Amino acid sequence: VQLQASGGGLVQAGDSLRLSCAASGSTFSNYHVAWFRQAPGKEREFVSAITRVVDDTFYGDSVKGRFTISRSVAENTVSLQMNSLKPEDTGRYYCRVGQYWGQGTLVTVSS
């Protein structure tokens, strides 16, 4: 499975971004998919996950109510809609499927 994350950028606090994780070599709907992030100097942190088949969703406490994870079967992607962004959301965001990690996309939120 090859994962490609995209959609990061530089935004101001309060803005929104939509990240996307695309899979090649496999069908996303067969897998649980998760987003993690890592800020400079900090450990990688769980952000959100969506389960296979029933699409149950889970969120880290710091993003609950602001982020929404979703799956597009047609596009074979999993997206992370991030609203009301805060400077502490800054970091590189990675999607993960099993032991496979994407290369990450950088999100920078200025105050």
N, C-alpha and C. Protein backbone atom coordinates (compact mmCIF):
# COMPACT_ATOMS: atom_id res chain seq x y z
N VAL A 1 0.84 -1.18 0.00
CA VAL A 1 0.00 0.00 0.00
C VAL A 1 0.88 1.24 0.00
N GLN A 2 0.63 2.13 -0.92
CA GLN A 2 1.33 3.42 -0.94
C GLN A 2 0.34 4.51 -0.62
N LEU A 3 0.71 5.36 0.32
CA LEU A 3 -0.17 6.41 0.79
C LEU A 3 0.39 7.77 0.43
N GLN A 4 -0.48 8.66 -0.02
CA GLN A 4 -0.07 10.01 -0.39
C GLN A 4 -0.97 11.00 0.31
N ALA A 5 -0.40 11.76 1.25
CA ALA A 5 -1.17 12.79 1.94
C ALA A 5 -0.96 14.13 1.26
N SER A 6 -2.01 14.92 1.21
CA SER A 6 -1.92 16.24 0.58
C SER A 6 -2.90 17.19 1.24
N GLY A 7 -2.78 18.47 0.90
CA GLY A 7 -3.73 19.46 1.39
C GLY A 7 -3.20 20.38 2.46
N GLY A 8 -2.00 20.15 2.94
CA GLY A 8 -1.44 21.01 3.97
C GLY A 8 -1.12 22.40 3.44
N GLY A 9 -0.79 23.29 4.34
CA GLY A 9 -0.44 24.64 3.94
C GLY A 9 -0.30 25.55 5.13
N LEU A 10 -0.12 26.82 4.85
CA LEU A 10 0.01 27.85 5.87
C LEU A 10 -1.30 28.61 5.95
N VAL A 11 -1.91 28.60 7.14
CA VAL A 11 -3.18 29.29 7.34
C VAL A 11 -3.11 30.08 8.64
N GLN A 12 -4.13 30.90 8.84
CA GLN A 12 -4.23 31.66 10.08
C GLN A 12 -5.16 30.94 11.06
N ALA A 13 -4.99 31.25 12.31
CA ALA A 13 -5.86 30.68 13.33
C ALA A 13 -7.32 30.97 12.98
N GLY A 14 -8.15 29.97 13.13
CA GLY A 14 -9.57 30.10 12.80
C GLY A 14 -9.92 29.62 11.40
N ASP A 15 -8.92 29.47 10.56
CA ASP A 15 -9.15 29.02 9.18
C ASP A 15 -9.41 27.51 9.14
N SER A 16 -9.68 27.03 7.95
CA SER A 16 -9.94 25.61 7.72
C SER A 16 -8.98 25.06 6.66
N LEU A 17 -8.75 23.79 6.74
CA LEU A 17 -8.00 23.05 5.73
C LEU A 17 -8.63 21.68 5.58
N ARG A 18 -8.46 21.11 4.40
CA ARG A 18 -8.93 19.75 4.17
C ARG A 18 -7.77 18.92 3.68
N LEU A 19 -7.39 17.95 4.46
CA LEU A 19 -6.33 17.04 4.06
C LEU A 19 -6.93 15.83 3.38
N SER A 20 -6.15 15.25 2.50
CA SER A 20 -6.60 14.07 1.79
C SER A 20 -5.50 13.02 1.81
N CYS A 21 -5.89 11.78 1.97
CA CYS A 21 -4.95 10.66 1.90
C CYS A 21 -5.43 9.74 0.80
N ALA A 22 -4.59 9.55 -0.20
CA ALA A 22 -4.93 8.68 -1.32
C ALA A 22 -4.11 7.41 -1.23
N ALA A 23 -4.73 6.31 -1.61
CA ALA A 23 -4.05 5.02 -1.56
C ALA A 23 -3.88 4.47 -2.97
N SER A 24 -2.74 3.91 -3.21
CA SER A 24 -2.53 3.18 -4.46
C SER A 24 -2.10 1.77 -4.09
N GLY A 25 -2.51 0.85 -4.90
CA GLY A 25 -2.14 -0.52 -4.63
C GLY A 25 -3.09 -1.26 -3.73
N SER A 26 -4.14 -0.57 -3.29
CA SER A 26 -5.11 -1.23 -2.43
C SER A 26 -6.39 -0.43 -2.42
N THR A 27 -7.45 -1.05 -1.90
CA THR A 27 -8.73 -0.38 -1.78
C THR A 27 -8.92 0.08 -0.34
N PHE A 28 -9.06 1.37 -0.18
CA PHE A 28 -9.13 1.96 1.14
C PHE A 28 -10.27 1.41 1.99
N SER A 29 -11.37 1.10 1.34
CA SER A 29 -12.55 0.69 2.09
C SER A 29 -12.32 -0.61 2.85
N ASN A 30 -11.27 -1.33 2.53
CA ASN A 30 -10.96 -2.58 3.21
C ASN A 30 -10.19 -2.38 4.51
N TYR A 31 -9.81 -1.14 4.80
CA TYR A 31 -8.89 -0.89 5.91
C TYR A 31 -9.40 0.17 6.88
N HIS A 32 -8.95 0.03 8.12
CA HIS A 32 -9.04 1.16 9.05
C HIS A 32 -7.98 2.17 8.61
N VAL A 33 -8.32 3.44 8.66
CA VAL A 33 -7.37 4.49 8.28
C VAL A 33 -7.30 5.50 9.42
N ALA A 34 -6.09 5.93 9.71
CA ALA A 34 -5.91 6.88 10.80
C ALA A 34 -5.05 8.04 10.36
N TRP A 35 -5.26 9.16 11.01
CA TRP A 35 -4.40 10.34 10.86
C TRP A 35 -3.65 10.56 12.17
N PHE A 36 -2.37 10.85 12.04
CA PHE A 36 -1.54 11.24 13.15
C PHE A 36 -0.87 12.56 12.78
N ARG A 37 -0.34 13.22 13.78
CA ARG A 37 0.42 14.44 13.49
C ARG A 37 1.62 14.49 14.43
N GLN A 38 2.61 15.22 13.97
CA GLN A 38 3.81 15.39 14.78
C GLN A 38 4.28 16.82 14.67
N ALA A 39 4.30 17.48 15.81
CA ALA A 39 4.80 18.85 15.87
C ALA A 39 6.31 18.80 16.12
N PRO A 40 7.02 19.84 15.73
CA PRO A 40 8.48 19.86 15.96
C PRO A 40 8.82 19.63 17.42
N GLY A 41 9.70 18.68 17.66
CA GLY A 41 10.14 18.42 19.02
C GLY A 41 9.19 17.63 19.88
N LYS A 42 8.10 17.17 19.28
CA LYS A 42 7.10 16.42 20.04
C LYS A 42 6.90 15.04 19.45
N GLU A 43 6.28 14.17 20.23
CA GLU A 43 5.99 12.83 19.76
C GLU A 43 4.79 12.84 18.81
N ARG A 44 4.74 11.81 18.00
CA ARG A 44 3.61 11.69 17.08
C ARG A 44 2.34 11.46 17.89
N GLU A 45 1.27 12.11 17.48
CA GLU A 45 0.02 12.14 18.23
C GLU A 45 -1.13 11.64 17.37
N PHE A 46 -2.00 10.83 17.95
CA PHE A 46 -3.19 10.38 17.25
C PHE A 46 -4.15 11.54 17.04
N VAL A 47 -4.70 11.64 15.83
CA VAL A 47 -5.65 12.71 15.52
C VAL A 47 -7.05 12.14 15.30
N SER A 48 -7.14 11.16 14.40
CA SER A 48 -8.47 10.66 14.06
C SER A 48 -8.33 9.33 13.34
N ALA A 49 -9.42 8.56 13.35
CA ALA A 49 -9.43 7.29 12.64
C ALA A 49 -10.84 6.97 12.16
N ILE A 50 -10.89 6.18 11.10
CA ILE A 50 -12.16 5.72 10.57
C ILE A 50 -12.04 4.22 10.32
N THR A 51 -13.03 3.46 10.78
CA THR A 51 -12.94 2.01 10.66
C THR A 51 -13.44 1.55 9.31
N ARG A 52 -13.03 0.38 8.94
CA ARG A 52 -13.49 -0.20 7.67
C ARG A 52 -14.93 -0.68 7.82
N VAL A 53 -15.59 -0.80 6.74
CA VAL A 53 -16.95 -1.35 6.61
C VAL A 53 -18.00 -0.40 7.16
N VAL A 54 -17.97 -0.13 8.48
CA VAL A 54 -19.06 0.65 9.08
C VAL A 54 -18.69 2.13 9.22
N ASP A 55 -17.41 2.46 8.98
CA ASP A 55 -16.96 3.85 9.05
C ASP A 55 -17.22 4.51 10.40
N ASP A 56 -17.02 3.77 11.48
CA ASP A 56 -17.03 4.43 12.79
C ASP A 56 -15.85 5.38 12.84
N THR A 57 -16.03 6.50 13.53
CA THR A 57 -14.97 7.50 13.59
C THR A 57 -14.53 7.76 15.02
N PHE A 58 -13.26 8.13 15.16
CA PHE A 58 -12.67 8.40 16.46
C PHE A 58 -11.79 9.63 16.34
N TYR A 59 -11.69 10.37 17.44
CA TYR A 59 -10.92 11.61 17.43
C TYR A 59 -10.12 11.76 18.70
N GLY A 60 -8.95 12.38 18.55
CA GLY A 60 -8.20 12.77 19.72
C GLY A 60 -8.92 13.89 20.45
N ASP A 61 -8.69 13.98 21.74
CA ASP A 61 -9.41 14.98 22.55
C ASP A 61 -9.16 16.40 22.05
N SER A 62 -7.97 16.66 21.57
CA SER A 62 -7.62 18.02 21.19
C SER A 62 -8.30 18.48 19.89
N VAL A 63 -8.88 17.56 19.14
CA VAL A 63 -9.49 17.95 17.86
C VAL A 63 -10.98 17.66 17.80
N LYS A 64 -11.53 17.05 18.84
CA LYS A 64 -12.96 16.73 18.85
C LYS A 64 -13.79 17.98 18.66
N GLY A 65 -14.78 17.88 17.78
CA GLY A 65 -15.66 19.00 17.51
C GLY A 65 -15.14 19.96 16.46
N ARG A 66 -13.88 19.81 16.08
CA ARG A 66 -13.30 20.70 15.07
C ARG A 66 -12.90 19.96 13.80
N PHE A 67 -12.49 18.73 13.94
CA PHE A 67 -12.03 17.93 12.80
C PHE A 67 -13.07 16.86 12.47
N THR A 68 -13.16 16.54 11.19
CA THR A 68 -14.06 15.48 10.74
C THR A 68 -13.34 14.60 9.73
N ILE A 69 -13.34 13.29 9.99
CA ILE A 69 -12.73 12.34 9.06
C ILE A 69 -13.83 11.70 8.23
N SER A 70 -13.52 11.46 6.96
CA SER A 70 -14.52 10.84 6.09
C SER A 70 -13.81 10.03 5.01
N ARG A 71 -14.58 9.17 4.40
CA ARG A 71 -14.02 8.28 3.38
C ARG A 71 -14.78 8.46 2.08
N SER A 72 -14.08 8.45 0.97
CA SER A 72 -14.71 8.42 -0.35
C SER A 72 -14.32 7.12 -1.02
N VAL A 73 -15.28 6.23 -1.15
CA VAL A 73 -15.00 4.96 -1.81
C VAL A 73 -14.72 5.17 -3.28
N ALA A 74 -15.46 6.07 -3.89
CA ALA A 74 -15.30 6.31 -5.32
C ALA A 74 -13.90 6.83 -5.66
N GLU A 75 -13.39 7.71 -4.79
CA GLU A 75 -12.08 8.30 -5.05
C GLU A 75 -10.96 7.53 -4.37
N ASN A 76 -11.33 6.56 -3.53
CA ASN A 76 -10.33 5.78 -2.78
C ASN A 76 -9.46 6.68 -1.93
N THR A 77 -10.11 7.60 -1.24
CA THR A 77 -9.39 8.54 -0.38
C THR A 77 -10.06 8.62 0.99
N VAL A 78 -9.30 9.09 1.94
CA VAL A 78 -9.81 9.44 3.27
C VAL A 78 -9.41 10.88 3.53
N SER A 79 -10.37 11.69 3.91
CA SER A 79 -10.12 13.11 4.11
C SER A 79 -10.24 13.49 5.58
N LEU A 80 -9.57 14.57 5.91
CA LEU A 80 -9.65 15.13 7.26
C LEU A 80 -9.98 16.61 7.10
N GLN A 81 -11.22 16.96 7.40
CA GLN A 81 -11.64 18.35 7.38
C GLN A 81 -11.30 18.98 8.71
N MET A 82 -10.50 20.03 8.66
CA MET A 82 -10.01 20.67 9.88
C MET A 82 -10.55 22.09 9.93
N ASN A 83 -11.40 22.36 10.89
CA ASN A 83 -11.98 23.68 11.07
C ASN A 83 -11.46 24.33 12.35
N SER A 84 -11.64 25.63 12.42
CA SER A 84 -11.24 26.37 13.62
C SER A 84 -9.82 26.03 14.05
N LEU A 85 -8.93 26.09 13.09
CA LEU A 85 -7.55 25.69 13.36
C LEU A 85 -6.89 26.61 14.38
N LYS A 86 -6.02 26.00 15.17
CA LYS A 86 -5.29 26.70 16.22
C LYS A 86 -3.79 26.55 15.96
N PRO A 87 -2.99 27.47 16.48
CA PRO A 87 -1.54 27.32 16.31
C PRO A 87 -1.02 25.96 16.80
N GLU A 88 -1.64 25.42 17.82
CA GLU A 88 -1.18 24.12 18.34
C GLU A 88 -1.55 22.95 17.43
N ASP A 89 -2.27 23.21 16.36
CA ASP A 89 -2.53 22.19 15.35
C ASP A 89 -1.38 22.08 14.36
N THR A 90 -0.42 22.96 14.47
CA THR A 90 0.72 22.94 13.56
C THR A 90 1.49 21.64 13.68
N GLY A 91 1.87 21.09 12.54
CA GLY A 91 2.65 19.87 12.53
C GLY A 91 2.56 19.18 11.18
N ARG A 92 3.28 18.08 11.07
CA ARG A 92 3.17 17.28 9.86
C ARG A 92 2.14 16.19 10.11
N TYR A 93 1.21 16.10 9.20
CA TYR A 93 0.09 15.17 9.33
C TYR A 93 0.33 13.95 8.45
N TYR A 94 0.17 12.80 9.05
CA TYR A 94 0.43 11.54 8.36
C TYR A 94 -0.83 10.69 8.37
N CYS A 95 -1.07 10.01 7.26
CA CYS A 95 -2.11 8.99 7.27
C CYS A 95 -1.45 7.62 7.40
N ARG A 96 -2.20 6.73 8.00
CA ARG A 96 -1.65 5.40 8.30
C ARG A 96 -2.70 4.33 8.00
N VAL A 97 -2.22 3.26 7.39
CA VAL A 97 -3.03 2.06 7.17
C VAL A 97 -2.19 0.88 7.61
N GLY A 98 -2.58 0.28 8.72
CA GLY A 98 -1.80 -0.83 9.25
C GLY A 98 -0.40 -0.36 9.57
N GLN A 99 0.60 -1.02 9.00
CA GLN A 99 1.98 -0.60 9.25
C GLN A 99 2.49 0.39 8.22
N TYR A 100 1.63 0.81 7.33
CA TYR A 100 2.04 1.72 6.25
C TYR A 100 1.74 3.17 6.63
N TRP A 101 2.71 4.02 6.38
CA TRP A 101 2.58 5.45 6.64
C TRP A 101 2.79 6.23 5.35
N GLY A 102 2.01 7.30 5.17
CA GLY A 102 2.29 8.23 4.10
C GLY A 102 3.45 9.13 4.48
N GLN A 103 3.87 9.98 3.55
CA GLN A 103 5.03 10.82 3.80
C GLN A 103 4.68 12.06 4.60
N GLY A 104 3.40 12.33 4.75
CA GLY A 104 2.98 13.46 5.55
C GLY A 104 2.80 14.73 4.75
N THR A 105 1.96 15.60 5.28
CA THR A 105 1.75 16.92 4.69
C THR A 105 1.80 17.93 5.82
N LEU A 106 2.48 19.06 5.55
CA LEU A 106 2.76 20.02 6.61
C LEU A 106 1.62 21.03 6.74
N VAL A 107 1.18 21.19 7.98
CA VAL A 107 0.16 22.18 8.32
C VAL A 107 0.79 23.19 9.28
N THR A 108 0.72 24.45 8.92
CA THR A 108 1.23 25.51 9.78
C THR A 108 0.11 26.51 10.03
N VAL A 109 -0.18 26.72 11.31
CA VAL A 109 -1.24 27.64 11.68
C VAL A 109 -0.62 28.81 12.43
N SER A 110 -0.75 29.99 11.85
CA SER A 110 -0.17 31.18 12.49
C SER A 110 -1.21 31.84 13.39
N SER A 111 -0.73 32.48 14.42
CA SER A 111 -1.65 33.14 15.37
C SER A 111 -1.96 34.56 14.96
